[in-house]
Amino acid sequence: GDYDAADAAWTRAIEIDPTNAAAWGNRGTSRLQAGRWADARDDLEKAVGLSPDANAPDALTLNNLGNAEGACGRWDVAAAYFLEASKSRDLRDIALANFALAKFQVGDVDAALRATRSLLRRDPEFWDARAATAAFLWARGDEEDAEAEWTKARPDDTPCALYADVRTVAGRWPPRCTAALDAFLRV
């Protein structure tokens, strides 16, 4: 996309109404997509602070704030935002998957596995969660369980076949998670 044009448009909207949480959130999301992590984080924090309902900020904004915090290397902070975003029915699964990835990134494998297994109970075809579970188990040394999880995930006619190439998650998953899947796939 044309990130400069989007940034300029949202900046103008903020100048017109600096209390508009949606404008701050949209500019933050645009900056997140452009790779301007710290700027995105600042805008998204402002959007959360301006939320019309201070007790229930917009879940998508919280999830994007988690993404920005993670991109800045603050995975514990990111996990907290993802968990908060997961309280929204509309964003629950994506935010909980992001929470699992963030928890794995900081070394909390048990919390990561609890989250992905919870997702898979609700949606056995959540391929990102299925591949992550296999990677988490492999990294923990549970090779047999990882292989069993992968076997469930990888019938040749499923979209999960895409996960046989780590490039499917590179750039979307945190570094430690991507490395765990890569190590598993290299066996």
C-alpha atoms as a PDB file:
ATOM      1  CA  GLY A   1       0.000   0.000   0.000  1.00  0.00           C
ATOM      2  CA  ASP A   2       0.872   3.643  -0.116  1.00  0.00           C
ATOM      3  CA  TYR A   3       1.936   4.024   3.500  1.00  0.00           C
ATOM      4  CA  ASP A   4       3.017   7.651   3.151  1.00  0.00           C
ATOM      5  CA  ALA A   5      -0.382   8.689   1.782  1.00  0.00           C
ATOM      6  CA  ALA A   6      -2.200   6.731   4.488  1.00  0.00           C
ATOM      7  CA  ASP A   7       0.022   8.244   7.171  1.00  0.00           C
ATOM      8  CA  ALA A   8      -0.625  11.748   5.844  1.00  0.00           C
ATOM      9  CA  ALA A   9      -4.386  11.173   5.716  1.00  0.00           C
ATOM     10  CA  TRP A  10      -4.562   9.828   9.267  1.00  0.00           C
ATOM     11  CA  THR A  11      -2.253  12.577  10.525  1.00  0.00           C
ATOM     12  CA  ARG A  12      -4.642  15.132   9.008  1.00  0.00           C
ATOM     13  CA  ALA A  13      -7.602  13.406  10.704  1.00  0.00           C
ATOM     14  CA  ILE A  14      -5.745  13.583  14.025  1.00  0.00           C
ATOM     15  CA  GLU A  15      -5.008  17.284  13.486  1.00  0.00           C
ATOM     16  CA  ILE A  16      -8.724  17.895  12.909  1.00  0.00           C
ATOM     17  CA  ASP A  17      -9.740  15.918  16.010  1.00  0.00           C
ATOM     18  CA  PRO A  18      -6.888  14.892  18.319  1.00  0.00           C
ATOM     19  CA  THR A  19      -9.349  13.020  20.552  1.00  0.00           C
ATOM     20  CA  ASN A  20     -10.429  10.618  17.786  1.00  0.00           C
ATOM     21  CA  ALA A  21      -9.314   7.186  18.995  1.00  0.00           C
ATOM     22  CA  ALA A  22     -10.088   5.578  15.620  1.00  0.00           C
ATOM     23  CA  ALA A  23      -7.806   7.991  13.753  1.00  0.00           C
ATOM     24  CA  TRP A  24      -4.939   7.277  16.154  1.00  0.00           C
ATOM     25  CA  GLY A  25      -5.593   3.550  15.883  1.00  0.00           C
ATOM     26  CA  ASN A  26      -5.751   3.615  12.098  1.00  0.00           C
ATOM     27  CA  ARG A  27      -2.549   5.630  11.804  1.00  0.00           C
ATOM     28  CA  GLY A  28      -0.902   3.237  14.248  1.00  0.00           C
ATOM     29  CA  THR A  29      -2.042   0.251  12.202  1.00  0.00           C
ATOM     30  CA  SER A  30      -0.745   1.879   9.022  1.00  0.00           C
ATOM     31  CA  ARG A  31       2.590   2.539  10.695  1.00  0.00           C
ATOM     32  CA  LEU A  32       2.683  -1.054  11.928  1.00  0.00           C
ATOM     33  CA  GLN A  33       2.220  -2.277   8.356  1.00  0.00           C
ATOM     34  CA  ALA A  34       4.969   0.098   7.206  1.00  0.00           C
ATOM     35  CA  GLY A  35       7.415  -1.309   9.764  1.00  0.00           C
ATOM     36  CA  ARG A  36       7.496   1.836  11.908  1.00  0.00           C
ATOM     37  CA  TRP A  37       7.184  -0.152  15.122  1.00  0.00           C
ATOM     38  CA  ALA A  38       7.850   2.499  17.780  1.00  0.00           C
ATOM     39  CA  ASP A  39       5.663   5.090  16.035  1.00  0.00           C
ATOM     40  CA  ALA A  40       2.925   2.476  15.672  1.00  0.00           C
ATOM     41  CA  ARG A  41       3.179   1.591  19.352  1.00  0.00           C
ATOM     42  CA  ASP A  42       2.889   5.257  20.364  1.00  0.00           C
ATOM     43  CA  ASP A  43      -0.180   5.835  18.187  1.00  0.00           C
ATOM     44  CA  LEU A  44      -1.882   2.634  19.293  1.00  0.00           C
ATOM     45  CA  GLU A  45      -1.241   3.434  22.970  1.00  0.00           C
ATOM     46  CA  LYS A  46      -2.829   6.844  22.367  1.00  0.00           C
ATOM     47  CA  ALA A  47      -5.836   5.157  20.708  1.00  0.00           C
ATOM     48  CA  VAL A  48      -6.290   2.844  23.696  1.00  0.00           C
ATOM     49  CA  GLY A  49      -6.046   5.828  26.044  1.00  0.00           C
ATOM     50  CA  LEU A  50      -8.713   7.689  24.076  1.00  0.00           C
ATOM     51  CA  SER A  51     -11.059   4.713  23.886  1.00  0.00           C
ATOM     52  CA  PRO A  52     -14.689   5.743  24.442  1.00  0.00           C
ATOM     53  CA  ASP A  53     -14.982   2.864  26.926  1.00  0.00           C
ATOM     54  CA  ALA A  54     -11.862   2.894  29.098  1.00  0.00           C
ATOM     55  CA  ASN A  55     -12.849  -0.507  30.515  1.00  0.00           C
ATOM     56  CA  ALA A  56     -13.096  -2.135  27.081  1.00  0.00           C
ATOM     57  CA  PRO A  57     -10.713  -0.667  24.510  1.00  0.00           C
ATOM     58  CA  ASP A  58     -11.077  -1.839  20.919  1.00  0.00           C
ATOM     59  CA  ALA A  59      -9.785  -5.416  20.676  1.00  0.00           C
ATOM     60  CA  LEU A  60      -8.233  -4.935  17.234  1.00  0.00           C
ATOM     61  CA  THR A  61      -6.325  -1.912  18.522  1.00  0.00           C
ATOM     62  CA  LEU A  62      -5.108  -3.943  21.518  1.00  0.00           C
ATOM     63  CA  ASN A  63      -4.031  -6.801  19.244  1.00  0.00           C
ATOM     64  CA  ASN A  64      -2.185  -4.399  16.950  1.00  0.00           C
ATOM     65  CA  LEU A  65      -0.569  -2.764  19.982  1.00  0.00           C
ATOM     66  CA  GLY A  66       0.615  -6.227  20.987  1.00  0.00           C
ATOM     67  CA  ASN A  67       2.070  -6.688  17.504  1.00  0.00           C
ATOM     68  CA  ALA A  68       3.885  -3.352  17.761  1.00  0.00           C
ATOM     69  CA  GLU A  69       5.242  -4.166  21.232  1.00  0.00           C
ATOM     70  CA  GLY A  70       6.439  -7.543  19.985  1.00  0.00           C
ATOM     71  CA  ALA A  71       8.120  -5.972  16.976  1.00  0.00           C
ATOM     72  CA  CYS A  72       9.915  -3.682  19.444  1.00  0.00           C
ATOM     73  CA  GLY A  73      11.095  -6.776  21.338  1.00  0.00           C
ATOM     74  CA  ARG A  74       8.788  -6.339  24.332  1.00  0.00           C
ATOM     75  CA  TRP A  75       7.115  -9.743  24.176  1.00  0.00           C
ATOM     76  CA  ASP A  76       5.884  -9.825  27.789  1.00  0.00           C
ATOM     77  CA  VAL A  77       4.075  -6.533  27.222  1.00  0.00           C
ATOM     78  CA  ALA A  78       2.785  -7.836  23.883  1.00  0.00           C
ATOM     79  CA  ALA A  79       1.421 -10.970  25.563  1.00  0.00           C
ATOM     80  CA  ALA A  80      -0.582  -8.860  28.017  1.00  0.00           C
ATOM     81  CA  TYR A  81      -2.185  -6.890  25.171  1.00  0.00           C
ATOM     82  CA  PHE A  82      -2.957 -10.060  23.226  1.00  0.00           C
ATOM     83  CA  LEU A  83      -4.571 -11.610  26.290  1.00  0.00           C
ATOM     84  CA  GLU A  84      -6.695  -8.507  26.817  1.00  0.00           C
ATOM     85  CA  ALA A  85      -7.714  -8.506  23.134  1.00  0.00           C
ATOM     86  CA  SER A  86      -8.674 -12.184  23.379  1.00  0.00           C
ATOM     87  CA  LYS A  87     -11.574 -11.232  25.668  1.00  0.00           C
ATOM     88  CA  SER A  88     -13.424 -10.023  22.576  1.00  0.00           C
ATOM     89  CA  ARG A  89     -15.460 -12.761  20.931  1.00  0.00           C
ATOM     90  CA  ASP A  90     -14.719 -11.317  17.478  1.00  0.00           C
ATOM     91  CA  LEU A  91     -10.948 -11.383  17.902  1.00  0.00           C
ATOM     92  CA  ARG A  92     -10.535 -14.134  20.486  1.00  0.00           C
ATOM     93  CA  ASP A  93      -8.830 -16.778  18.371  1.00  0.00           C
ATOM     94  CA  ILE A  94      -6.354 -14.519  16.569  1.00  0.00           C
ATOM     95  CA  ALA A  95      -5.418 -12.699  19.774  1.00  0.00           C
ATOM     96  CA  LEU A  96      -5.048 -15.957  21.706  1.00  0.00           C
ATOM     97  CA  ALA A  97      -2.832 -17.380  18.950  1.00  0.00           C
ATOM     98  CA  ASN A  98      -0.696 -14.245  19.165  1.00  0.00           C
ATOM     99  CA  PHE A  99      -0.620 -14.630  22.957  1.00  0.00           C
ATOM    100  CA  ALA A 100       0.673 -18.199  22.550  1.00  0.00           C
ATOM    101  CA  LEU A 101       3.426 -17.064  20.185  1.00  0.00           C
ATOM    102  CA  ALA A 102       4.451 -14.258  22.551  1.00  0.00           C
ATOM    103  CA  LYS A 103       4.529 -16.605  25.545  1.00  0.00           C
ATOM    104  CA  PHE A 104       6.706 -19.064  23.635  1.00  0.00           C
ATOM    105  CA  GLN A 105       9.004 -16.220  22.606  1.00  0.00           C
ATOM    106  CA  VAL A 106       9.674 -15.395  26.280  1.00  0.00           C
ATOM    107  CA  GLY A 107      10.182 -19.037  27.203  1.00  0.00           C
ATOM    108  CA  ASP A 108       6.814 -19.832  28.780  1.00  0.00           C
ATOM    109  CA  VAL A 109       6.222 -22.991  26.755  1.00  0.00           C
ATOM    110  CA  ASP A 110       3.529 -24.323  29.094  1.00  0.00           C
ATOM    111  CA  ALA A 111       1.378 -21.187  28.713  1.00  0.00           C
ATOM    112  CA  ALA A 112       1.944 -21.238  24.958  1.00  0.00           C
ATOM    113  CA  LEU A 113       0.797 -24.853  24.738  1.00  0.00           C
ATOM    114  CA  ARG A 114      -2.238 -24.243  26.956  1.00  0.00           C
ATOM    115  CA  ALA A 115      -3.293 -21.438  24.625  1.00  0.00           C
ATOM    116  CA  THR A 116      -2.821 -23.360  21.368  1.00  0.00           C
ATOM    117  CA  ARG A 117      -4.522 -26.450  22.754  1.00  0.00           C
ATOM    118  CA  SER A 118      -7.463 -24.327  23.867  1.00  0.00           C
ATOM    119  CA  LEU A 119      -7.714 -22.931  20.355  1.00  0.00           C
ATOM    120  CA  LEU A 120      -7.534 -26.385  18.810  1.00  0.00           C
ATOM    121  CA  ARG A 121     -10.328 -27.694  21.036  1.00  0.00           C
ATOM    122  CA  ARG A 122     -12.600 -25.010  19.584  1.00  0.00           C
ATOM    123  CA  ASP A 123     -11.246 -25.206  16.038  1.00  0.00           C
ATOM    124  CA  PRO A 124      -9.242 -28.332  15.140  1.00  0.00           C
ATOM    125  CA  GLU A 125      -8.503 -26.797  11.739  1.00  0.00           C
ATOM    126  CA  PHE A 126      -6.769 -23.672  13.074  1.00  0.00           C
ATOM    127  CA  TRP A 127      -3.635 -24.502  11.103  1.00  0.00           C
ATOM    128  CA  ASP A 128      -1.434 -21.779  12.575  1.00  0.00           C
ATOM    129  CA  ALA A 129      -2.188 -23.078  16.075  1.00  0.00           C
ATOM    130  CA  ARG A 130      -1.661 -26.680  14.978  1.00  0.00           C
ATOM    131  CA  ALA A 131       1.757 -25.926  13.441  1.00  0.00           C
ATOM    132  CA  ALA A 132       2.728 -23.825  16.466  1.00  0.00           C
ATOM    133  CA  THR A 133       1.772 -26.645  18.835  1.00  0.00           C
ATOM    134  CA  ALA A 134       4.011 -29.069  16.948  1.00  0.00           C
ATOM    135  CA  ALA A 135       6.874 -26.559  17.007  1.00  0.00           C
ATOM    136  CA  PHE A 136       6.414 -25.832  20.727  1.00  0.00           C
ATOM    137  CA  LEU A 137       6.371 -29.523  21.593  1.00  0.00           C
ATOM    138  CA  TRP A 138       9.467 -30.159  19.480  1.00  0.00           C
ATOM    139  CA  ALA A 139      11.357 -27.305  21.136  1.00  0.00           C
ATOM    140  CA  ARG A 140      10.415 -28.666  24.567  1.00  0.00           C
ATOM    141  CA  GLY A 141      11.867 -32.042  23.626  1.00  0.00           C
ATOM    142  CA  ASP A 142       8.538 -33.835  23.243  1.00  0.00           C
ATOM    143  CA  GLU A 143       9.487 -35.224  19.854  1.00  0.00           C
ATOM    144  CA  GLU A 144       6.896 -38.000  19.758  1.00  0.00           C
ATOM    145  CA  ASP A 145       4.051 -35.642  20.689  1.00  0.00           C
ATOM    146  CA  ALA A 146       5.290 -33.083  18.155  1.00  0.00           C
ATOM    147  CA  GLU A 147       5.276 -35.696  15.411  1.00  0.00           C
ATOM    148  CA  ALA A 148       1.785 -36.845  16.407  1.00  0.00           C
ATOM    149  CA  GLU A 149       0.527 -33.257  16.344  1.00  0.00           C
ATOM    150  CA  TRP A 150       2.110 -32.691  12.959  1.00  0.00           C
ATOM    151  CA  THR A 151       0.570 -35.884  11.589  1.00  0.00           C
ATOM    152  CA  LYS A 152      -2.879 -34.584  12.605  1.00  0.00           C
ATOM    153  CA  ALA A 153      -2.099 -31.299  10.938  1.00  0.00           C
ATOM    154  CA  ARG A 154      -0.623 -32.484   7.696  1.00  0.00           C
ATOM    155  CA  PRO A 155      -2.947 -34.540   5.558  1.00  0.00           C
ATOM    156  CA  ASP A 156      -1.866 -33.576   2.056  1.00  0.00           C
ATOM    157  CA  ASP A 157      -5.205 -32.046   1.169  1.00  0.00           C
ATOM    158  CA  THR A 158      -5.257 -29.466   3.986  1.00  0.00           C
ATOM    159  CA  PRO A 159      -4.079 -25.870   3.983  1.00  0.00           C
ATOM    160  CA  CYS A 160      -1.623 -26.912   6.694  1.00  0.00           C
ATOM    161  CA  ALA A 161       0.566 -28.370   3.945  1.00  0.00           C
ATOM    162  CA  LEU A 162       1.767 -24.788   3.511  1.00  0.00           C
ATOM    163  CA  TYR A 163       3.463 -25.040   6.903  1.00  0.00           C
ATOM    164  CA  ALA A 164       5.985 -27.519   5.511  1.00  0.00           C
ATOM    165  CA  ASP A 165       7.882 -24.388   4.461  1.00  0.00           C
ATOM    166  CA  VAL A 166       8.959 -22.099   7.303  1.00  0.00           C
ATOM    167  CA  ARG A 167       8.491 -19.098   5.005  1.00  0.00           C
ATOM    168  CA  THR A 168       4.772 -19.461   5.713  1.00  0.00           C
ATOM    169  CA  VAL A 169       5.366 -18.069   9.212  1.00  0.00           C
ATOM    170  CA  ALA A 170       8.584 -16.069   8.786  1.00  0.00           C
ATOM    171  CA  GLY A 171       7.808 -12.436   9.421  1.00  0.00           C
ATOM    172  CA  ARG A 172       4.498 -13.279  11.116  1.00  0.00           C
ATOM    173  CA  TRP A 173       5.760 -15.354  14.019  1.00  0.00           C
ATOM    174  CA  PRO A 174       8.314 -14.184  16.582  1.00  0.00           C
ATOM    175  CA  PRO A 175      11.919 -15.303  15.971  1.00  0.00           C
ATOM    176  CA  ARG A 176      12.013 -18.089  18.573  1.00  0.00           C
ATOM    177  CA  CYS A 177       8.749 -19.589  17.285  1.00  0.00           C
ATOM    178  CA  THR A 178       9.932 -19.459  13.681  1.00  0.00           C
ATOM    179  CA  ALA A 179      13.214 -21.106  14.674  1.00  0.00           C
ATOM    180  CA  ALA A 180      11.346 -23.874  16.532  1.00  0.00           C
ATOM    181  CA  LEU A 181       9.238 -24.694  13.478  1.00  0.00           C
ATOM    182  CA  ASP A 182      12.322 -24.557  11.272  1.00  0.00           C
ATOM    183  CA  ALA A 183      14.171 -26.983  13.576  1.00  0.00           C
ATOM    184  CA  PHE A 184      11.198 -29.337  13.536  1.00  0.00           C
ATOM    185  CA  LEU A 185      10.908 -29.222   9.741  1.00  0.00           C
ATOM    186  CA  ARG A 186      14.611 -29.933   9.257  1.00  0.00           C
ATOM    187  CA  VAL A 187      14.372 -33.385  10.873  1.00  0.00           C
END
